[in-house]
Amino acid sequence: MKTDTPYYIGIDIGTTSTKAIALTLPGKVLALERASYPTLSPQPGFQEQEPEALLKAVAEVLGKLARQLESPPAAIG
């Protein structure tokens, strides 16, 4: 889907997955992508992720959005 409407990308890097959403300024959702990764628990009460997994997930969701929308966003945040 190619869009000529300016759109913006929001990224949420969470504990179990990274999500990215592309939306117009009025709030219309154009696309939403998610990539999961494992959560490591080195000891009780501790949760962590591998930094490489987070980076890979961000690249994956942004790549999927780019292929869907076929035009650059106005901003990413």
PDB file of N, CA and C in Angstrom:
ATOM      1  N   MET A   1       0.851  -1.167   0.000  1.00  0.00           N
ATOM      2  CA  MET A   1       0.000   0.000   0.000  1.00  0.00           C
ATOM      3  C   MET A   1       0.896   1.228   0.000  1.00  0.00           C
ATOM      4  N   LYS A   2       0.886   1.957  -1.060  1.00  0.00           N
ATOM      5  CA  LYS A   2       1.646   3.210  -1.118  1.00  0.00           C
ATOM      6  C   LYS A   2       0.733   4.334  -0.650  1.00  0.00           C
ATOM      7  N   THR A   3       1.267   5.201   0.183  1.00  0.00           N
ATOM      8  CA  THR A   3       0.473   6.319   0.676  1.00  0.00           C
ATOM      9  C   THR A   3       1.201   7.631   0.409  1.00  0.00           C
ATOM     10  N   ASP A   4       0.441   8.628  -0.023  1.00  0.00           N
ATOM     11  CA  ASP A   4       0.992   9.968  -0.202  1.00  0.00           C
ATOM     12  C   ASP A   4       0.715  10.834   1.024  1.00  0.00           C
ATOM     13  N   THR A   5      -0.095  10.312   1.948  1.00  0.00           N
ATOM     14  CA  THR A   5      -0.425  11.020   3.177  1.00  0.00           C
ATOM     15  C   THR A   5       0.760  10.941   4.137  1.00  0.00           C
ATOM     16  N   PRO A   6       1.161  12.055   4.736  1.00  0.00           N
ATOM     17  CA  PRO A   6       2.239  11.987   5.727  1.00  0.00           C
ATOM     18  C   PRO A   6       1.838  11.055   6.878  1.00  0.00           C
ATOM     19  N   TYR A   7       2.768  10.225   7.293  1.00  0.00           N
ATOM     20  CA  TYR A   7       2.498   9.328   8.411  1.00  0.00           C
ATOM     21  C   TYR A   7       3.700   9.294   9.350  1.00  0.00           C
ATOM     22  N   TYR A   8       3.445   8.797  10.528  1.00  0.00           N
ATOM     23  CA  TYR A   8       4.434   8.787  11.601  1.00  0.00           C
ATOM     24  C   TYR A   8       4.549   7.373  12.147  1.00  0.00           C
ATOM     25  N   ILE A   9       5.730   7.014  12.632  1.00  0.00           N
ATOM     26  CA  ILE A   9       5.951   5.687  13.194  1.00  0.00           C
ATOM     27  C   ILE A   9       6.279   5.826  14.673  1.00  0.00           C
ATOM     28  N   GLY A  10       5.581   5.048  15.483  1.00  0.00           N
ATOM     29  CA  GLY A  10       5.874   4.948  16.908  1.00  0.00           C
ATOM     30  C   GLY A  10       6.426   3.564  17.195  1.00  0.00           C
ATOM     31  N   ILE A  11       7.429   3.481  18.060  1.00  0.00           N
ATOM     32  CA  ILE A  11       8.061   2.212  18.404  1.00  0.00           C
ATOM     33  C   ILE A  11       7.957   1.993  19.912  1.00  0.00           C
ATOM     34  N   ASP A  12       7.533   0.782  20.297  1.00  0.00           N
ATOM     35  CA  ASP A  12       7.446   0.389  21.704  1.00  0.00           C
ATOM     36  C   ASP A  12       8.354  -0.821  21.906  1.00  0.00           C
ATOM     37  N   ILE A  13       9.458  -0.626  22.614  1.00  0.00           N
ATOM     38  CA  ILE A  13      10.369  -1.729  22.923  1.00  0.00           C
ATOM     39  C   ILE A  13      10.012  -2.208  24.323  1.00  0.00           C
ATOM     40  N   GLY A  14       9.333  -3.353  24.387  1.00  0.00           N
ATOM     41  CA  GLY A  14       8.840  -3.867  25.656  1.00  0.00           C
ATOM     42  C   GLY A  14       9.640  -5.050  26.176  1.00  0.00           C
ATOM     43  N   THR A  15       9.137  -5.651  27.239  1.00  0.00           N
ATOM     44  CA  THR A  15       9.818  -6.762  27.891  1.00  0.00           C
ATOM     45  C   THR A  15       9.835  -8.020  27.039  1.00  0.00           C
ATOM     46  N   THR A  16       8.749  -8.286  26.303  1.00  0.00           N
ATOM     47  CA  THR A  16       8.662  -9.529  25.531  1.00  0.00           C
ATOM     48  C   THR A  16       8.618  -9.321  24.028  1.00  0.00           C
ATOM     49  N   SER A  17       8.406  -8.087  23.589  1.00  0.00           N
ATOM     50  CA  SER A  17       8.327  -7.836  22.149  1.00  0.00           C
ATOM     51  C   SER A  17       8.529  -6.358  21.845  1.00  0.00           C
ATOM     52  N   THR A  18       8.799  -6.092  20.570  1.00  0.00           N
ATOM     53  CA  THR A  18       8.861  -4.732  20.053  1.00  0.00           C
ATOM     54  C   THR A  18       7.700  -4.561  19.093  1.00  0.00           C
ATOM     55  N   LYS A  19       6.995  -3.454  19.236  1.00  0.00           N
ATOM     56  CA  LYS A  19       5.871  -3.150  18.359  1.00  0.00           C
ATOM     57  C   LYS A  19       6.135  -1.818  17.668  1.00  0.00           C
ATOM     58  N   ALA A  20       5.666  -1.710  16.437  1.00  0.00           N
ATOM     59  CA  ALA A  20       5.766  -0.452  15.698  1.00  0.00           C
ATOM     60  C   ALA A  20       4.431  -0.201  15.017  1.00  0.00           C
ATOM     61  N   ILE A  21       4.005   1.048  15.043  1.00  0.00           N
ATOM     62  CA  ILE A  21       2.738   1.434  14.432  1.00  0.00           C
ATOM     63  C   ILE A  21       2.985   2.610  13.495  1.00  0.00           C
ATOM     64  N   ALA A  22       2.330   2.575  12.363  1.00  0.00           N
ATOM     65  CA  ALA A  22       2.371   3.690  11.412  1.00  0.00           C
ATOM     66  C   ALA A  22       0.984   4.313  11.406  1.00  0.00           C
ATOM     67  N   LEU A  23       0.918   5.619  11.660  1.00  0.00           N
ATOM     68  CA  LEU A  23      -0.376   6.279  11.686  1.00  0.00           C
ATOM     69  C   LEU A  23      -0.283   7.692  11.147  1.00  0.00           C
ATOM     70  N   THR A  24      -1.439   8.192  10.705  1.00  0.00           N
ATOM     71  CA  THR A  24      -1.525   9.564  10.221  1.00  0.00           C
ATOM     72  C   THR A  24      -1.684  10.489  11.420  1.00  0.00           C
ATOM     73  N   LEU A  25      -1.518  11.785  11.199  1.00  0.00           N
ATOM     74  CA  LEU A  25      -1.640  12.744  12.289  1.00  0.00           C
ATOM     75  C   LEU A  25      -3.021  12.703  12.949  1.00  0.00           C
ATOM     76  N   PRO A  26      -4.120  12.518  12.186  1.00  0.00           N
ATOM     77  CA  PRO A  26      -5.419  12.408  12.855  1.00  0.00           C
ATOM     78  C   PRO A  26      -5.594  11.103  13.642  1.00  0.00           C
ATOM     79  N   GLY A  27      -4.652  10.152  13.486  1.00  0.00           N
ATOM     80  CA  GLY A  27      -4.718   8.920  14.264  1.00  0.00           C
ATOM     81  C   GLY A  27      -5.171   7.684  13.521  1.00  0.00           C
ATOM     82  N   LYS A  28      -5.291   7.755  12.203  1.00  0.00           N
ATOM     83  CA  LYS A  28      -5.679   6.576  11.426  1.00  0.00           C
ATOM     84  C   LYS A  28      -4.493   5.610  11.357  1.00  0.00           C
ATOM     85  N   VAL A  29      -4.711   4.364  11.793  1.00  0.00           N
ATOM     86  CA  VAL A  29      -3.658   3.351  11.771  1.00  0.00           C
ATOM     87  C   VAL A  29      -3.504   2.820  10.353  1.00  0.00           C
ATOM     88  N   LEU A  30      -2.292   2.918   9.828  1.00  0.00           N
ATOM     89  CA  LEU A  30      -1.999   2.408   8.493  1.00  0.00           C
ATOM     90  C   LEU A  30      -1.422   1.004   8.548  1.00  0.00           C
ATOM     91  N   ALA A  31      -0.626   0.710   9.572  1.00  0.00           N
ATOM     92  CA  ALA A  31      -0.012  -0.610   9.708  1.00  0.00           C
ATOM     93  C   ALA A  31       0.499  -0.785  11.132  1.00  0.00           C
ATOM     94  N   LEU A  32       0.566  -2.041  11.553  1.00  0.00           N
ATOM     95  CA  LEU A  32       1.061  -2.385  12.884  1.00  0.00           C
ATOM     96  C   LEU A  32       1.865  -3.672  12.763  1.00  0.00           C
ATOM     97  N   GLU A  33       3.055  -3.693  13.343  1.00  0.00           N
ATOM     98  CA  GLU A  33       3.914  -4.883  13.290  1.00  0.00           C
ATOM     99  C   GLU A  33       4.460  -5.187  14.676  1.00  0.00           C
ATOM    100  N   ARG A  34       4.785  -6.477  14.896  1.00  0.00           N
ATOM    101  CA  ARG A  34       5.297  -6.921  16.194  1.00  0.00           C
ATOM    102  C   ARG A  34       6.350  -7.995  15.977  1.00  0.00           C
ATOM    103  N   ALA A  35       7.403  -7.966  16.793  1.00  0.00           N
ATOM    104  CA  ALA A  35       8.433  -9.003  16.794  1.00  0.00           C
ATOM    105  C   ALA A  35       8.731  -9.374  18.248  1.00  0.00           C
ATOM    106  N   SER A  36       8.680 -10.660  18.542  1.00  0.00           N
ATOM    107  CA  SER A  36       8.904 -11.148  19.908  1.00  0.00           C
ATOM    108  C   SER A  36      10.345 -11.593  20.113  1.00  0.00           C
ATOM    109  N   TYR A  37      10.758 -11.642  21.378  1.00  0.00           N
ATOM    110  CA  TYR A  37      12.070 -12.153  21.750  1.00  0.00           C
ATOM    111  C   TYR A  37      11.962 -12.745  23.151  1.00  0.00           C
ATOM    112  N   PRO A  38      12.895 -13.634  23.498  1.00  0.00           N
ATOM    113  CA  PRO A  38      12.823 -14.271  24.818  1.00  0.00           C
ATOM    114  C   PRO A  38      13.208 -13.316  25.946  1.00  0.00           C
ATOM    115  N   THR A  39      12.624 -13.555  27.098  1.00  0.00           N
ATOM    116  CA  THR A  39      12.985 -12.839  28.314  1.00  0.00           C
ATOM    117  C   THR A  39      13.823 -13.781  29.169  1.00  0.00           C
ATOM    118  N   LEU A  40      14.982 -13.333  29.575  1.00  0.00           N
ATOM    119  CA  LEU A  40      15.876 -14.135  30.400  1.00  0.00           C
ATOM    120  C   LEU A  40      15.667 -13.776  31.867  1.00  0.00           C
ATOM    121  N   SER A  41      15.746 -14.769  32.731  1.00  0.00           N
ATOM    122  CA  SER A  41      15.590 -14.540  34.166  1.00  0.00           C
ATOM    123  C   SER A  41      16.803 -15.126  34.887  1.00  0.00           C
ATOM    124  N   PRO A  42      17.880 -14.326  35.039  1.00  0.00           N
ATOM    125  CA  PRO A  42      19.102 -14.841  35.634  1.00  0.00           C
ATOM    126  C   PRO A  42      18.963 -15.213  37.116  1.00  0.00           C
ATOM    127  N   GLN A  43      17.991 -14.584  37.785  1.00  0.00           N
ATOM    128  CA  GLN A  43      17.701 -14.917  39.183  1.00  0.00           C
ATOM    129  C   GLN A  43      16.286 -14.449  39.492  1.00  0.00           C
ATOM    130  N   PRO A  44      15.669 -14.975  40.547  1.00  0.00           N
ATOM    131  CA  PRO A  44      14.292 -14.590  40.860  1.00  0.00           C
ATOM    132  C   PRO A  44      14.127 -13.070  40.959  1.00  0.00           C
ATOM    133  N   GLY A  45      13.083 -12.576  40.314  1.00  0.00           N
ATOM    134  CA  GLY A  45      12.781 -11.150  40.355  1.00  0.00           C
ATOM    135  C   GLY A  45      13.515 -10.312  39.329  1.00  0.00           C
ATOM    136  N   PHE A  46      14.379 -10.928  38.526  1.00  0.00           N
ATOM    137  CA  PHE A  46      15.141 -10.210  37.507  1.00  0.00           C
ATOM    138  C   PHE A  46      14.688 -10.651  36.120  1.00  0.00           C
ATOM    139  N   GLN A  47      14.508  -9.700  35.216  1.00  0.00           N
ATOM    140  CA  GLN A  47      14.149  -9.974  33.826  1.00  0.00           C
ATOM    141  C   GLN A  47      15.072  -9.160  32.935  1.00  0.00           C
ATOM    142  N   GLU A  48      15.594  -9.776  31.900  1.00  0.00           N
ATOM    143  CA  GLU A  48      16.450  -9.042  30.964  1.00  0.00           C
ATOM    144  C   GLU A  48      16.339  -9.649  29.574  1.00  0.00           C
ATOM    145  N   GLN A  49      16.796  -8.876  28.595  1.00  0.00           N
ATOM    146  CA  GLN A  49      16.797  -9.307  27.206  1.00  0.00           C
ATOM    147  C   GLN A  49      18.196  -9.110  26.642  1.00  0.00           C
ATOM    148  N   GLU A  50      18.494  -9.876  25.613  1.00  0.00           N
ATOM    149  CA  GLU A  50      19.761  -9.704  24.907  1.00  0.00           C
ATOM    150  C   GLU A  50      19.670  -8.435  24.056  1.00  0.00           C
ATOM    151  N   PRO A  51      20.609  -7.504  24.157  1.00  0.00           N
ATOM    152  CA  PRO A  51      20.564  -6.277  23.355  1.00  0.00           C
ATOM    153  C   PRO A  51      20.483  -6.544  21.852  1.00  0.00           C
ATOM    154  N   GLU A  52      21.163  -7.580  21.386  1.00  0.00           N
ATOM    155  CA  GLU A  52      21.128  -7.906  19.957  1.00  0.00           C
ATOM    156  C   GLU A  52      19.720  -8.299  19.517  1.00  0.00           C
ATOM    157  N   ALA A  53      18.976  -8.980  20.401  1.00  0.00           N
ATOM    158  CA  ALA A  53      17.604  -9.379  20.083  1.00  0.00           C
ATOM    159  C   ALA A  53      16.706  -8.149  19.950  1.00  0.00           C
ATOM    160  N   LEU A  54      16.921  -7.153  20.814  1.00  0.00           N
ATOM    161  CA  LEU A  54      16.132  -5.919  20.736  1.00  0.00           C
ATOM    162  C   LEU A  54      16.411  -5.188  19.424  1.00  0.00           C
ATOM    163  N   LEU A  55      17.675  -5.061  19.074  1.00  0.00           N
ATOM    164  CA  LEU A  55      18.052  -4.382  17.835  1.00  0.00           C
ATOM    165  C   LEU A  55      17.485  -5.106  16.615  1.00  0.00           C
ATOM    166  N   LYS A  56      17.581  -6.421  16.614  1.00  0.00           N
ATOM    167  CA  LYS A  56      17.045  -7.218  15.508  1.00  0.00           C
ATOM    168  C   LYS A  56      15.531  -7.029  15.384  1.00  0.00           C
ATOM    169  N   ALA A  57      14.826  -6.995  16.513  1.00  0.00           N
ATOM    170  CA  ALA A  57      13.375  -6.820  16.500  1.00  0.00           C
ATOM    171  C   ALA A  57      12.985  -5.447  15.956  1.00  0.00           C
ATOM    172  N   VAL A  58      13.707  -4.400  16.350  1.00  0.00           N
ATOM    173  CA  VAL A  58      13.422  -3.051  15.836  1.00  0.00           C
ATOM    174  C   VAL A  58      13.627  -3.016  14.323  1.00  0.00           C
ATOM    175  N   ALA A  59      14.734  -3.578  13.858  1.00  0.00           N
ATOM    176  CA  ALA A  59      15.000  -3.609  12.414  1.00  0.00           C
ATOM    177  C   ALA A  59      13.924  -4.403  11.679  1.00  0.00           C
ATOM    178  N   GLU A  60      13.471  -5.496  12.281  1.00  0.00           N
ATOM    179  CA  GLU A  60      12.443  -6.331  11.651  1.00  0.00           C
ATOM    180  C   GLU A  60      11.119  -5.588  11.496  1.00  0.00           C
ATOM    181  N   VAL A  61      10.633  -4.961  12.573  1.00  0.00           N
ATOM    182  CA  VAL A  61       9.333  -4.288  12.482  1.00  0.00           C
ATOM    183  C   VAL A  61       9.396  -3.071  11.563  1.00  0.00           C
ATOM    184  N   LEU A  62      10.511  -2.324  11.600  1.00  0.00           N
ATOM    185  CA  LEU A  62      10.636  -1.172  10.700  1.00  0.00           C
ATOM    186  C   LEU A  62      10.732  -1.625   9.245  1.00  0.00           C
ATOM    187  N   GLY A  63      11.426  -2.722   8.991  1.00  0.00           N
ATOM    188  CA  GLY A  63      11.513  -3.263   7.635  1.00  0.00           C
ATOM    189  C   GLY A  63      10.158  -3.688   7.102  1.00  0.00           C
ATOM    190  N   LYS A  64       9.365  -4.333   7.952  1.00  0.00           N
ATOM    191  CA  LYS A  64       8.021  -4.760   7.536  1.00  0.00           C
ATOM    192  C   LYS A  64       7.141  -3.553   7.212  1.00  0.00           C
ATOM    193  N   LEU A  65       7.212  -2.515   8.044  1.00  0.00           N
ATOM    194  CA  LEU A  65       6.424  -1.307   7.771  1.00  0.00           C
ATOM    195  C   LEU A  65       6.880  -0.658   6.467  1.00  0.00           C
ATOM    196  N   ALA A  66       8.179  -0.586   6.255  1.00  0.00           N
ATOM    197  CA  ALA A  66       8.714   0.040   5.035  1.00  0.00           C
ATOM    198  C   ALA A  66       8.232  -0.693   3.788  1.00  0.00           C
ATOM    199  N   ARG A  67       8.213  -2.025   3.841  1.00  0.00           N
ATOM    200  CA  ARG A  67       7.745  -2.797   2.680  1.00  0.00           C
ATOM    201  C   ARG A  67       6.254  -2.594   2.436  1.00  0.00           C
ATOM    202  N   GLN A  68       5.484  -2.434   3.503  1.00  0.00           N
ATOM    203  CA  GLN A  68       4.039  -2.235   3.350  1.00  0.00           C
ATOM    204  C   GLN A  68       3.700  -0.851   2.814  1.00  0.00           C
ATOM    205  N   LEU A  69       4.368   0.176   3.316  1.00  0.00           N
ATOM    206  CA  LEU A  69       3.957   1.552   3.032  1.00  0.00           C
ATOM    207  C   LEU A  69       4.669   2.173   1.838  1.00  0.00           C
ATOM    208  N   GLU A  70       5.813   1.672   1.466  1.00  0.00           N
ATOM    209  CA  GLU A  70       6.517   2.061   0.245  1.00  0.00           C
ATOM    210  C   GLU A  70       6.862   3.543   0.132  1.00  0.00           C
ATOM    211  N   SER A  71       6.774   4.285   1.209  1.00  0.00           N
ATOM    212  CA  SER A  71       7.177   5.693   1.198  1.00  0.00           C
ATOM    213  C   SER A  71       7.730   6.028   2.580  1.00  0.00           C
ATOM    214  N   PRO A  72       8.644   6.975   2.672  1.00  0.00           N
ATOM    215  CA  PRO A  72       9.260   7.272   3.969  1.00  0.00           C
ATOM    216  C   PRO A  72       8.298   7.988   4.919  1.00  0.00           C
ATOM    217  N   PRO A  73       8.449   7.754   6.223  1.00  0.00           N
ATOM    218  CA  PRO A  73       7.599   8.441   7.196  1.00  0.00           C
ATOM    219  C   PRO A  73       8.031   9.893   7.384  1.00  0.00           C
ATOM    220  N   ALA A  74       7.122  10.692   7.923  1.00  0.00           N
ATOM    221  CA  ALA A  74       7.446  12.079   8.258  1.00  0.00           C
ATOM    222  C   ALA A  74       8.350  12.131   9.485  1.00  0.00           C
ATOM    223  N   ALA A  75       8.183  11.148  10.392  1.00  0.00           N
ATOM    224  CA  ALA A  75       9.006  11.096  11.607  1.00  0.00           C
ATOM    225  C   ALA A  75       8.892   9.721  12.244  1.00  0.00           C
ATOM    226  N   ILE A  76       9.902   9.384  13.043  1.00  0.00           N
ATOM    227  CA  ILE A  76       9.912   8.140  13.816  1.00  0.00           C
ATOM    228  C   ILE A  76      10.204   8.509  15.259  1.00  0.00           C
ATOM    229  N   GLY A  77       9.454   7.929  16.178  1.00  0.00           N
ATOM    230  CA  GLY A  77       9.687   8.227  17.591  1.00  0.00           C
ATOM    231  C   GLY A  77       9.380   7.069  18.479  1.00  0.00           C
TER     232      GLY A  77
END
